[in-house]
Amino acid sequence: MAKSFKSYTSGEYHYVFGEVYVPNIVDTDGESMTAEDIQKMPHAFIANGLVKSLNTNHNHILNAAEVIESFIARKNDPDLSPRTAHGVLPMIRL
């Protein structure tokens, strides 16, 4: 299943909102996470100072993106991915 992203530009800044992980959906590495584990993920990401540790498609080459906001999507959020019907999923704004 393809990931969902939304983007917009405001002045010189370009913002991207995108889902990071969906509960109980197998990812490209053949792994999945529970909603409970996913709820912990964005908090740990910020707390561990990883906001500038982003790469593209797990290539381990840092890019210029920076997380400026991390949040847990609400179930059935009309402004986000239809996959929020599954429940918790962290979203990031770059």
C-alpha atoms as a PDB file:
ATOM      1  CA  MET A   1       0.000   0.000   0.000  1.00  0.00           C
ATOM      2  CA  ALA A   2       1.422   3.401  -0.979  1.00  0.00           C
ATOM      3  CA  LYS A   3       2.111   5.992   1.688  1.00  0.00           C
ATOM      4  CA  SER A   4       0.090   9.172   1.782  1.00  0.00           C
ATOM      5  CA  PHE A   5       1.686  12.616   1.621  1.00  0.00           C
ATOM      6  CA  LYS A   6       0.323  16.148   1.362  1.00  0.00           C
ATOM      7  CA  SER A   7       2.407  19.211   0.646  1.00  0.00           C
ATOM      8  CA  TYR A   8       2.078  22.971   0.376  1.00  0.00           C
ATOM      9  CA  THR A   9       4.306  25.999  -0.009  1.00  0.00           C
ATOM     10  CA  SER A  10       4.196  29.150   2.089  1.00  0.00           C
ATOM     11  CA  GLY A  11       6.637  31.828   0.987  1.00  0.00           C
ATOM     12  CA  GLU A  12      10.117  30.333   0.858  1.00  0.00           C
ATOM     13  CA  TYR A  13       9.112  27.246   2.853  1.00  0.00           C
ATOM     14  CA  HIS A  14       7.820  23.956   1.509  1.00  0.00           C
ATOM     15  CA  TYR A  15       5.911  21.708   3.898  1.00  0.00           C
ATOM     16  CA  VAL A  16       5.250  17.997   3.549  1.00  0.00           C
ATOM     17  CA  PHE A  17       2.901  16.021   5.765  1.00  0.00           C
ATOM     18  CA  GLY A  18       3.332  12.300   5.545  1.00  0.00           C
ATOM     19  CA  GLU A  19       2.467   9.152   7.346  1.00  0.00           C
ATOM     20  CA  VAL A  20       5.355   7.327   8.926  1.00  0.00           C
ATOM     21  CA  TYR A  21       3.818   4.063  10.083  1.00  0.00           C
ATOM     22  CA  VAL A  22       0.364   2.451  10.046  1.00  0.00           C
ATOM     23  CA  PRO A  23      -0.609  -0.085  12.729  1.00  0.00           C
ATOM     24  CA  ASN A  24      -0.584  -3.755  11.798  1.00  0.00           C
ATOM     25  CA  ILE A  25       0.357  -3.133   8.144  1.00  0.00           C
ATOM     26  CA  VAL A  26       3.435  -4.992   6.916  1.00  0.00           C
ATOM     27  CA  ASP A  27       6.117  -2.542   5.731  1.00  0.00           C
ATOM     28  CA  THR A  28       8.705  -2.910   2.958  1.00  0.00           C
ATOM     29  CA  ASP A  29      11.039  -4.691   5.391  1.00  0.00           C
ATOM     30  CA  GLY A  30       8.375  -7.313   6.137  1.00  0.00           C
ATOM     31  CA  GLU A  31       7.747  -5.905   9.634  1.00  0.00           C
ATOM     32  CA  SER A  32       4.775  -4.318  11.361  1.00  0.00           C
ATOM     33  CA  MET A  33       4.079  -2.482  14.614  1.00  0.00           C
ATOM     34  CA  THR A  34       1.156  -2.311  17.008  1.00  0.00           C
ATOM     35  CA  ALA A  35      -0.696   0.942  17.610  1.00  0.00           C
ATOM     36  CA  GLU A  36       0.769   1.031  21.119  1.00  0.00           C
ATOM     37  CA  ASP A  37       4.353   0.875  19.812  1.00  0.00           C
ATOM     38  CA  ILE A  38       3.603   3.444  17.135  1.00  0.00           C
ATOM     39  CA  GLN A  39       2.299   5.876  19.764  1.00  0.00           C
ATOM     40  CA  LYS A  40       5.725   5.784  21.432  1.00  0.00           C
ATOM     41  CA  MET A  41       7.678   6.308  18.200  1.00  0.00           C
ATOM     42  CA  PRO A  42       7.262  10.078  17.517  1.00  0.00           C
ATOM     43  CA  HIS A  43       7.959  10.948  21.134  1.00  0.00           C
ATOM     44  CA  ALA A  44      11.162   8.901  21.179  1.00  0.00           C
ATOM     45  CA  PHE A  45      12.200  10.351  17.806  1.00  0.00           C
ATOM     46  CA  ILE A  46      11.976  13.917  19.138  1.00  0.00           C
ATOM     47  CA  ALA A  47      13.363  13.083  22.596  1.00  0.00           C
ATOM     48  CA  ASN A  48      16.421  11.412  21.055  1.00  0.00           C
ATOM     49  CA  GLY A  49      17.181  14.470  18.910  1.00  0.00           C
ATOM     50  CA  LEU A  50      16.693  12.737  15.566  1.00  0.00           C
ATOM     51  CA  VAL A  51      14.835  15.610  13.873  1.00  0.00           C
ATOM     52  CA  LYS A  52      17.725  16.233  11.447  1.00  0.00           C
ATOM     53  CA  SER A  53      18.594  12.560  10.929  1.00  0.00           C
ATOM     54  CA  LEU A  54      16.474  12.006   7.828  1.00  0.00           C
ATOM     55  CA  ASN A  55      17.354  10.107   4.705  1.00  0.00           C
ATOM     56  CA  THR A  56      15.482   9.035   1.611  1.00  0.00           C
ATOM     57  CA  ASN A  57      14.189   5.464   1.317  1.00  0.00           C
ATOM     58  CA  HIS A  58      16.553   4.217   4.058  1.00  0.00           C
ATOM     59  CA  ASN A  59      19.663   4.992   1.968  1.00  0.00           C
ATOM     60  CA  HIS A  60      21.533   6.204   5.109  1.00  0.00           C
ATOM     61  CA  ILE A  61      22.543   9.454   3.358  1.00  0.00           C
ATOM     62  CA  LEU A  62      21.287  12.452   5.329  1.00  0.00           C
ATOM     63  CA  ASN A  63      19.196  14.929   3.366  1.00  0.00           C
ATOM     64  CA  ALA A  64      18.314  18.557   4.090  1.00  0.00           C
ATOM     65  CA  ALA A  65      14.871  17.803   5.535  1.00  0.00           C
ATOM     66  CA  GLU A  66      14.113  18.494   9.165  1.00  0.00           C
ATOM     67  CA  VAL A  67      11.131  17.395  11.233  1.00  0.00           C
ATOM     68  CA  ILE A  68       9.430  20.481  12.621  1.00  0.00           C
ATOM     69  CA  GLU A  69       6.351  18.767  13.961  1.00  0.00           C
ATOM     70  CA  SER A  70       5.420  15.208  14.861  1.00  0.00           C
ATOM     71  CA  PHE A  71       1.970  14.086  15.903  1.00  0.00           C
ATOM     72  CA  ILE A  72      -0.353  11.128  16.139  1.00  0.00           C
ATOM     73  CA  ALA A  73      -3.190  11.196  13.630  1.00  0.00           C
ATOM     74  CA  ARG A  74      -6.689  10.958  14.997  1.00  0.00           C
ATOM     75  CA  LYS A  75      -8.801   7.998  13.966  1.00  0.00           C
ATOM     76  CA  ASN A  76     -10.741   8.797  10.768  1.00  0.00           C
ATOM     77  CA  ASP A  77      -9.142  12.251  10.468  1.00  0.00           C
ATOM     78  CA  PRO A  78     -10.796  13.813   7.381  1.00  0.00           C
ATOM     79  CA  ASP A  79      -7.718  15.930   6.589  1.00  0.00           C
ATOM     80  CA  LEU A  80      -5.273  13.031   6.420  1.00  0.00           C
ATOM     81  CA  SER A  81      -4.817   9.612   4.885  1.00  0.00           C
ATOM     82  CA  PRO A  82      -7.849   7.341   4.618  1.00  0.00           C
ATOM     83  CA  ARG A  83      -5.638   4.845   6.442  1.00  0.00           C
ATOM     84  CA  THR A  84      -6.235   6.764   9.694  1.00  0.00           C
ATOM     85  CA  ALA A  85      -9.367   4.625   9.872  1.00  0.00           C
ATOM     86  CA  HIS A  86      -6.957   1.993  11.193  1.00  0.00           C
ATOM     87  CA  GLY A  87      -6.277   4.197  14.215  1.00  0.00           C
ATOM     88  CA  VAL A  88      -2.974   5.616  15.356  1.00  0.00           C
ATOM     89  CA  LEU A  89      -0.334   6.620  12.870  1.00  0.00           C
ATOM     90  CA  PRO A  90       2.378   9.208  13.355  1.00  0.00           C
ATOM     91  CA  MET A  91       2.574  12.068  10.910  1.00  0.00           C
ATOM     92  CA  ILE A  92       5.493  14.401  10.335  1.00  0.00           C
ATOM     93  CA  ARG A  93       5.787  17.837   8.836  1.00  0.00           C
ATOM     94  CA  LEU A  94       9.095  18.548   7.139  1.00  0.00           C
END
